[in-house]
């Protein structure tokens, strides 16, 4: 990613899409990044990180490739926190900030030498102001149960109002689960479910027949934060036949208990081929998140699931109530920490070269390229 100071697309015949999200572009790949990468195959894309300072001069512009530029706010953490709070929880300020952002996006579009654009919005509390609107279509993509994650009843009510407004104003809505789509359908009938996918291409498995006298390598990929169920991690750590590998950044979690164990290994953030090659070396992949999370109740398939299966690995997971069906020995649902560890051992013992190939073949139909083709057909722009 190179700082450029201006947006200059090579092929101006492509239509322009502006993606809005509070997810930073350089975070580990999430649905926002994966969808955006698909959009760049068909359109020129500007990715705008929100919230931002309320003037264009505060923004830095980076080029990711010839079809993708990223706007990043050059604001300090304190300012970012204040703006975020006002924008997300105070209706009057939300209206003013959205109005300013709408005008700012228009300026960004003009500076890119476009007169029209499509807004692809991942942010539930952002709605374009009607002043001098240059959009050809408004898209809202819902990738989580945002209101379910808020405990304060007043804040939940305010945010619910924001999201309903965003849903109603959209020409097309997408969500990552059928449960979320059902909720959106009450306010916008043009809603479609797009499950997460993967980017991996695997030609052969990494299976070894002789696995005697070997510890089981269990791998978690994702942000290491308080969404992880500590009781599951403790149960895994106490079993000395398992080595636990954690891939991802550490956020908002005390890891001192993890660090005191020789069978816990932090690998840091990995992406692309390095991530794929690391997962291929593992025996079992895991999803040890808290089942009490709002997102867990609406999930049809967690984002990391198809990445695991694309590498041929068995997956041990919490018992998601709305998980889509999978073939036997693909996903081992666990309803307690003890069962979680038992399933890690069972998945390891059940595994075979044929099963790994079956998982890879199954995951091939869930590649992000196929998801992208589906999205493009629905956008029709």
Protein backbone atom coordinates (compact mmCIF):
# COMPACT_ATOMS: atom_id res chain seq x y z
CA UNK A 1 0.00 0.00 0.00
CA UNK A 2 1.60 3.24 -1.21
CA UNK A 3 0.66 6.77 -0.12
CA UNK A 4 -0.23 8.73 -3.25
CA UNK A 5 -1.90 12.00 -2.23
CA UNK A 6 -4.53 11.63 -4.98
CA UNK A 7 -6.81 9.09 -6.65
CA UNK A 8 -5.93 8.25 -10.23
CA UNK A 9 -7.56 5.17 -11.73
CA UNK A 10 -5.93 3.61 -14.79
CA UNK A 11 -9.18 2.54 -16.45
CA UNK A 12 -11.75 5.36 -16.24
CA UNK A 13 -14.30 3.36 -18.21
CA UNK A 14 -15.02 1.35 -15.07
CA UNK A 15 -17.84 2.56 -12.83
CA UNK A 16 -16.95 3.83 -9.37
CA UNK A 17 -17.92 2.25 -6.03
CA UNK A 18 -17.28 3.94 -2.69
CA UNK A 19 -17.04 1.47 0.21
CA UNK A 20 -17.67 2.84 3.72
CA UNK A 21 -16.67 0.91 6.84
CA UNK A 22 -15.21 1.45 10.31
CA UNK A 23 -12.88 -1.51 9.69
CA UNK A 24 -9.32 -0.43 8.98
CA UNK A 25 -8.00 -1.62 5.64
CA UNK A 26 -4.81 -3.05 7.15
CA UNK A 27 -6.60 -5.23 9.72
CA UNK A 28 -6.59 -8.99 9.25
CA UNK A 29 -8.92 -9.88 6.33
CA UNK A 30 -12.60 -9.72 7.21
CA UNK A 31 -15.78 -9.82 5.15
CA UNK A 32 -15.46 -6.09 4.37
CA UNK A 33 -12.01 -6.61 2.87
CA UNK A 34 -13.02 -9.77 1.02
CA UNK A 35 -16.10 -8.20 -0.56
CA UNK A 36 -14.11 -5.08 -1.49
CA UNK A 37 -11.47 -7.18 -3.22
CA UNK A 38 -14.21 -8.80 -5.28
CA UNK A 39 -15.62 -5.40 -6.23
CA UNK A 40 -12.21 -4.35 -7.61
CA UNK A 41 -12.45 -7.10 -10.22
CA UNK A 42 -15.34 -5.28 -11.87
CA UNK A 43 -15.18 -1.65 -10.71
CA UNK A 44 -12.88 1.11 -9.55
CA UNK A 45 -13.17 1.28 -5.77
CA UNK A 46 -12.50 3.91 -3.10
CA UNK A 47 -12.46 2.44 0.43
CA UNK A 48 -13.24 5.09 3.06
CA UNK A 49 -12.35 4.32 6.69
CA UNK A 50 -14.88 5.86 9.08
CA UNK A 51 -15.15 7.83 11.29
CA UNK A 52 -12.97 10.61 9.94
CA UNK A 53 -12.09 14.22 10.63
CA UNK A 54 -14.73 16.50 9.16
CA UNK A 55 -12.58 17.85 6.33
CA UNK A 56 -10.83 16.29 3.37
CA UNK A 57 -7.40 17.74 4.21
CA UNK A 58 -7.23 15.43 7.24
CA UNK A 59 -7.26 12.34 5.01
CA UNK A 60 -4.36 10.34 3.66
CA UNK A 61 -4.77 8.48 0.37
CA UNK A 62 -3.16 5.11 -0.32
CA UNK A 63 -3.15 3.00 -3.47
CA UNK A 64 -3.58 -0.75 -2.94
CA UNK A 65 -3.69 -1.64 -6.63
CA UNK A 66 -4.73 0.01 -9.90
CA UNK A 67 -8.43 -0.41 -9.07
CA UNK A 68 -8.40 0.34 -5.34
CA UNK A 69 -7.59 3.45 -3.29
CA UNK A 70 -8.01 3.77 0.49
CA UNK A 71 -8.78 6.98 2.41
CA UNK A 72 -7.50 6.90 6.00
CA UNK A 73 -8.17 9.57 8.62
CA UNK A 74 -5.10 11.22 10.10
CA UNK A 75 -6.76 11.78 13.51
CA UNK A 76 -5.56 11.06 17.02
CA UNK A 77 -7.13 8.33 19.17
CA UNK A 78 -8.94 10.76 21.50
CA UNK A 79 -10.63 12.62 18.61
CA UNK A 80 -11.52 9.31 16.97
CA UNK A 81 -13.19 8.10 20.17
CA UNK A 82 -15.21 11.30 20.64
CA UNK A 83 -16.44 11.38 17.03
CA UNK A 84 -17.32 7.68 17.17
CA UNK A 85 -19.43 8.14 20.29
CA UNK A 86 -21.30 11.19 18.96
CA UNK A 87 -21.87 9.50 15.61
CA UNK A 88 -23.11 6.21 17.04
CA UNK A 89 -25.19 7.30 20.02
CA UNK A 90 -26.36 10.94 19.66
CA UNK A 91 -29.07 11.28 16.94
CA UNK A 92 -28.57 15.00 16.29
CA UNK A 93 -24.81 14.64 15.90
CA UNK A 94 -25.31 11.53 13.79
CA UNK A 95 -27.41 13.55 11.32
CA UNK A 96 -24.85 16.36 11.15
CA UNK A 97 -21.88 14.02 10.77
CA UNK A 98 -23.63 11.99 8.06
CA UNK A 99 -24.43 15.22 6.21
CA UNK A 100 -20.77 16.25 6.32
CA UNK A 101 -19.64 12.77 5.25
CA UNK A 102 -22.09 12.86 2.32
CA UNK A 103 -20.60 16.14 1.06
CA UNK A 104 -17.09 14.85 1.66
CA UNK A 105 -17.77 11.71 -0.39
CA UNK A 106 -19.11 13.89 -3.20
CA UNK A 107 -15.81 15.82 -3.14
CA UNK A 108 -13.82 12.58 -3.17
CA UNK A 109 -15.83 11.36 -6.15
CA UNK A 110 -15.28 14.63 -8.03
CA UNK A 111 -11.54 14.51 -7.34
CA UNK A 112 -11.49 11.02 -8.84
CA UNK A 113 -13.03 12.53 -12.03
CA UNK A 114 -16.44 10.88 -11.60
CA UNK A 115 -19.90 12.43 -11.54
CA UNK A 116 -21.75 9.34 -10.21
CA UNK A 117 -20.92 6.46 -7.90
CA UNK A 118 -22.47 3.51 -6.07
CA UNK A 119 -22.23 3.50 -2.29
CA UNK A 120 -21.41 0.09 -0.78
CA UNK A 121 -21.93 0.69 2.92
CA UNK A 122 -20.97 -1.67 5.77
CA UNK A 123 -21.80 0.83 8.53
CA UNK A 124 -25.29 0.51 10.07
CA UNK A 125 -25.46 4.10 11.39
CA UNK A 126 -24.36 5.80 8.16
CA UNK A 127 -27.01 7.08 5.76
CA UNK A 128 -26.28 9.47 2.91
CA UNK A 129 -27.78 12.93 3.19
CA UNK A 130 -30.01 13.86 0.24
CA UNK A 131 -28.11 17.10 -0.50
CA UNK A 132 -26.58 16.96 -3.99
CA UNK A 133 -26.57 13.15 -3.98
CA UNK A 134 -24.42 11.67 -6.74
CA UNK A 135 -25.22 8.01 -6.12
CA UNK A 136 -26.64 5.66 -8.71
CA UNK A 137 -27.34 2.98 -6.05
CA UNK A 138 -27.14 2.56 -2.27
CA UNK A 139 -26.02 -0.84 -0.97
CA UNK A 140 -26.07 -1.90 2.68
CA UNK A 141 -24.09 -4.99 3.71
CA UNK A 142 -24.82 -6.25 7.24
CA UNK A 143 -22.14 -8.60 8.56
CA UNK A 144 -23.10 -8.82 12.25
CA UNK A 145 -25.96 -8.49 14.74
CA UNK A 146 -24.89 -4.99 15.73
CA UNK A 147 -27.86 -4.28 18.00
CA UNK A 148 -27.46 -7.59 19.80
CA UNK A 149 -23.95 -6.56 20.80
CA UNK A 150 -25.23 -3.50 22.72
CA UNK A 151 -26.30 -4.04 26.34
CA UNK A 152 -27.54 -0.54 27.22
CA UNK A 153 -31.27 -0.37 26.36
CA UNK A 154 -31.25 3.31 25.32
CA UNK A 155 -28.17 2.92 23.13
CA UNK A 156 -29.69 -0.19 21.59
CA UNK A 157 -32.90 1.71 20.79
CA UNK A 158 -30.96 4.57 19.18
CA UNK A 159 -28.78 2.22 17.13
CA UNK A 160 -31.79 0.18 16.07
CA UNK A 161 -33.34 3.38 14.71
CA UNK A 162 -30.11 4.18 12.82
CA UNK A 163 -29.91 0.73 11.27
CA UNK A 164 -33.57 0.63 10.24
CA UNK A 165 -33.09 4.02 8.55
CA UNK A 166 -30.02 2.69 6.71
CA UNK A 167 -31.86 -0.46 5.65
CA UNK A 168 -34.89 1.44 4.37
CA UNK A 169 -32.77 3.86 2.36
CA UNK A 170 -30.83 1.10 0.57
CA UNK A 171 -31.65 -0.10 -2.92
CA UNK A 172 -30.17 -3.52 -2.13
CA UNK A 173 -29.27 -5.16 1.19
CA UNK A 174 -26.93 -8.07 1.83
CA UNK A 175 -26.24 -10.00 5.02
CA UNK A 176 -24.00 -12.90 6.04
CA UNK A 177 -26.77 -15.06 7.48
CA UNK A 178 -30.37 -16.02 6.81
CA UNK A 179 -31.31 -14.91 10.34
CA UNK A 180 -30.01 -11.38 9.71
CA UNK A 181 -31.71 -11.35 6.29
CA UNK A 182 -35.05 -12.18 7.93
CA UNK A 183 -34.65 -9.19 10.25
CA UNK A 184 -33.71 -6.88 7.37
CA UNK A 185 -36.63 -8.15 5.25
CA UNK A 186 -39.07 -6.43 7.63
CA UNK A 187 -37.78 -3.05 6.40
CA UNK A 188 -36.42 -3.81 2.92
CA UNK A 189 -37.69 -6.67 0.77
CA UNK A 190 -34.64 -6.57 -1.54
CA UNK A 191 -32.25 -8.49 0.73
CA UNK A 192 -29.90 -11.36 -0.11
CA UNK A 193 -27.79 -13.71 2.02
CA UNK A 194 -24.10 -13.97 1.12
CA UNK A 195 -22.20 -16.44 3.31
CA UNK A 196 -18.51 -15.84 4.03
CA UNK A 197 -16.01 -17.63 1.81
CA UNK A 198 -12.29 -18.18 1.32
CA UNK A 199 -9.46 -17.24 -1.04
CA UNK A 200 -7.35 -20.40 -0.82
CA UNK A 201 -6.41 -22.68 -3.71
CA UNK A 202 -5.15 -26.09 -2.55
CA UNK A 203 -3.83 -28.74 -4.94
CA UNK A 204 -2.90 -31.43 -2.44
CA UNK A 205 -3.33 -32.23 1.24
CA UNK A 206 -0.66 -32.29 3.91
CA UNK A 207 -1.67 -35.57 5.56
CA UNK A 208 0.80 -37.96 7.21
CA UNK A 209 -0.28 -41.56 7.78
CA UNK A 210 2.11 -42.16 10.67
CA UNK A 211 1.03 -39.79 13.41
CA UNK A 212 2.01 -41.88 16.41
CA UNK A 213 3.74 -40.26 19.39
CA UNK A 214 2.82 -36.83 18.08
CA UNK A 215 1.00 -34.03 19.88
CA UNK A 216 -2.14 -32.72 18.20
CA UNK A 217 -1.71 -29.25 16.73
CA UNK A 218 -4.93 -27.24 17.18
CA UNK A 219 -5.11 -23.87 15.43
CA UNK A 220 -7.26 -20.79 15.99
CA UNK A 221 -7.21 -17.99 13.40
CA UNK A 222 -8.73 -14.61 14.14
CA UNK A 223 -8.56 -11.65 16.49
CA UNK A 224 -7.46 -12.81 19.94
CA UNK A 225 -9.83 -10.85 22.15
CA UNK A 226 -12.58 -11.21 24.75
CA UNK A 227 -14.85 -12.94 22.24
CA UNK A 228 -12.82 -16.10 22.86
CA UNK A 229 -14.25 -18.37 25.57
CA UNK A 230 -11.54 -18.61 28.28
CA UNK A 231 -13.03 -21.82 29.71
CA UNK A 232 -12.47 -23.57 26.38
CA UNK A 233 -8.89 -22.30 26.15
CA UNK A 234 -8.15 -23.43 29.71
CA UNK A 235 -9.52 -26.89 28.97
CA UNK A 236 -7.32 -27.17 25.85
CA UNK A 237 -4.23 -25.94 27.70
CA UNK A 238 -4.71 -28.47 30.50
CA UNK A 239 -4.57 -31.32 27.99
CA UNK A 240 -0.87 -31.92 27.41
CA UNK A 241 -1.50 -33.95 24.27
CA UNK A 242 -2.55 -30.75 22.42
CA UNK A 243 -0.41 -27.85 21.21
CA UNK A 244 -2.47 -24.68 20.72
CA UNK A 245 -1.46 -22.28 17.93
CA UNK A 246 -3.04 -18.81 17.85
CA UNK A 247 -2.93 -16.75 14.64
CA UNK A 248 -3.97 -13.11 14.79
CA UNK A 249 -3.55 -9.80 16.62
CA UNK A 250 -4.08 -9.60 20.38
CA UNK A 251 -6.77 -7.13 21.50
CA UNK A 252 -8.48 -6.44 24.84
CA UNK A 253 -7.56 -9.72 26.54
CA UNK A 254 -5.21 -10.74 29.33
CA UNK A 255 -2.94 -13.46 27.94
CA UNK A 256 -0.71 -14.03 30.98
CA UNK A 257 -2.34 -17.42 31.61
CA UNK A 258 -1.64 -18.39 28.00
CA UNK A 259 1.99 -17.30 28.16
CA UNK A 260 2.73 -19.52 31.14
CA UNK A 261 2.08 -22.66 29.11
CA UNK A 262 4.66 -24.33 26.89
CA UNK A 263 1.93 -25.78 24.69
CA UNK A 264 0.58 -22.34 23.63
CA UNK A 265 2.17 -20.67 20.60
CA UNK A 266 1.40 -17.14 19.36
CA UNK A 267 2.13 -16.82 15.63
CA UNK A 268 1.06 -13.20 15.13
CA UNK A 269 -1.00 -11.93 12.19
CA UNK A 270 -0.64 -13.93 8.99
CA UNK A 271 -2.33 -13.36 5.62
CA UNK A 272 -2.48 -14.84 2.13
CA UNK A 273 -0.04 -17.66 1.31
CA UNK A 274 1.72 -17.54 4.68
CA UNK A 275 -1.62 -18.05 6.43
CA UNK A 276 -2.58 -20.89 4.12
CA UNK A 277 0.74 -22.70 4.52
CA UNK A 278 0.54 -22.40 8.31
CA UNK A 279 -2.99 -23.84 8.48
CA UNK A 280 -1.94 -26.69 6.20
CA UNK A 281 0.59 -27.77 8.82
CA UNK A 282 -2.06 -28.04 11.54
CA UNK A 283 -4.07 -31.12 12.51
CA UNK A 284 -7.31 -29.54 13.69
CA UNK A 285 -8.72 -26.01 13.40
CA UNK A 286 -10.94 -24.53 16.09
CA UNK A 287 -13.62 -21.88 16.70
CA UNK A 288 -13.55 -21.39 20.52
CA UNK A 289 -15.76 -18.30 20.77
CA UNK A 290 -18.37 -17.48 23.41
CA UNK A 291 -21.73 -18.98 22.46
CA UNK A 292 -23.43 -16.13 24.36
CA UNK A 293 -22.32 -13.56 21.78
CA UNK A 294 -25.14 -12.06 19.72
CA UNK A 295 -23.25 -12.86 16.53
CA UNK A 296 -23.01 -16.53 17.49
CA UNK A 297 -26.80 -16.76 17.68
CA UNK A 298 -27.32 -15.57 14.10
CA UNK A 299 -24.27 -17.11 12.41
CA UNK A 300 -24.80 -19.54 9.52
CA UNK A 301 -21.04 -19.98 9.06
CA UNK A 302 -18.24 -18.05 10.83
CA UNK A 303 -15.87 -16.26 8.45
CA UNK A 304 -12.91 -18.53 9.23
CA UNK A 305 -14.83 -21.80 8.73
CA UNK A 306 -14.50 -22.12 4.95
CA UNK A 307 -10.84 -21.09 5.14
CA UNK A 308 -10.23 -24.00 7.50
CA UNK A 309 -12.12 -26.46 5.29
CA UNK A 310 -10.39 -25.15 2.16
CA UNK A 311 -7.13 -26.36 3.73
CA UNK A 312 -8.67 -29.79 4.29
CA UNK A 313 -8.81 -29.48 8.07
CA UNK A 314 -11.49 -30.81 10.43
CA UNK A 315 -13.09 -28.01 12.44
CA UNK A 316 -14.03 -28.16 16.12
CA UNK A 317 -16.48 -25.40 16.95
CA UNK A 318 -18.91 -24.16 19.53
CA UNK A 319 -22.44 -25.38 18.87
CA UNK A 320 -23.83 -22.58 16.68
CA UNK A 321 -27.66 -22.89 16.77
CA UNK A 322 -28.09 -21.78 13.15
CA UNK A 323 -25.04 -23.30 11.48
CA UNK A 324 -25.69 -24.58 7.95
CA UNK A 325 -25.41 -28.39 7.57
CA UNK A 326 -22.04 -29.93 6.73
CA UNK A 327 -21.04 -33.50 5.79
CA UNK A 328 -19.98 -35.83 8.58
CA UNK A 329 -16.46 -35.29 10.02
CA UNK A 330 -16.27 -31.74 8.67
CA UNK A 331 -17.46 -29.71 11.67
CA UNK A 332 -17.58 -31.07 15.23
CA UNK A 333 -20.08 -29.03 17.26
CA UNK A 334 -19.29 -28.82 20.98
CA UNK A 335 -21.60 -27.65 23.77
CA UNK A 336 -19.08 -27.63 26.64
CA UNK A 337 -15.34 -27.06 27.14
CA UNK A 338 -14.89 -30.75 27.95
CA UNK A 339 -16.69 -31.81 24.78
CA UNK A 340 -14.62 -29.30 22.81
CA UNK A 341 -11.37 -31.02 23.82
CA UNK A 342 -12.87 -34.47 23.29
CA UNK A 343 -13.84 -33.41 19.78
CA UNK A 344 -10.33 -32.12 19.03
CA UNK A 345 -9.00 -35.60 19.83
CA UNK A 346 -11.84 -37.29 17.93
CA UNK A 347 -11.40 -35.08 14.86
CA UNK A 348 -7.70 -35.91 14.83
CA UNK A 349 -8.36 -39.63 15.07
CA UNK A 350 -11.17 -39.59 12.48
CA UNK A 351 -9.14 -37.67 9.93
CA UNK A 352 -7.83 -39.21 6.72
CA UNK A 353 -6.38 -38.15 3.40
CA UNK A 354 -9.71 -38.84 1.69
CA UNK A 355 -11.59 -36.73 4.22
CA UNK A 356 -9.18 -33.86 3.70
CA UNK A 357 -9.69 -33.99 -0.06
CA UNK A 358 -13.47 -34.12 0.45
CA UNK A 359 -13.33 -30.96 2.57
CA UNK A 360 -11.22 -29.16 -0.03
CA UNK A 361 -13.65 -30.12 -2.81
CA UNK A 362 -16.60 -29.00 -0.69
CA UNK A 363 -14.98 -25.66 0.10
CA UNK A 364 -14.28 -25.01 -3.60
CA UNK A 365 -17.92 -24.05 -4.11
CA UNK A 366 -17.55 -21.44 -1.34
CA UNK A 367 -14.61 -19.55 -2.85
CA UNK A 368 -14.89 -15.76 -2.69
CA UNK A 369 -14.70 -15.59 -6.48
CA UNK A 370 -18.04 -17.41 -6.63
CA UNK A 371 -19.49 -15.13 -3.96
CA UNK A 372 -18.25 -12.15 -5.97
CA UNK A 373 -19.96 -13.34 -9.14
CA UNK A 374 -23.23 -13.65 -7.21
CA UNK A 375 -22.90 -10.14 -5.78
CA UNK A 376 -22.13 -8.62 -9.18
CA UNK A 377 -25.23 -10.17 -10.75
CA UNK A 378 -27.40 -8.75 -7.96
CA UNK A 379 -25.85 -5.29 -8.14
CA UNK A 380 -26.59 -4.92 -11.85
CA UNK A 381 -24.77 -1.60 -12.21
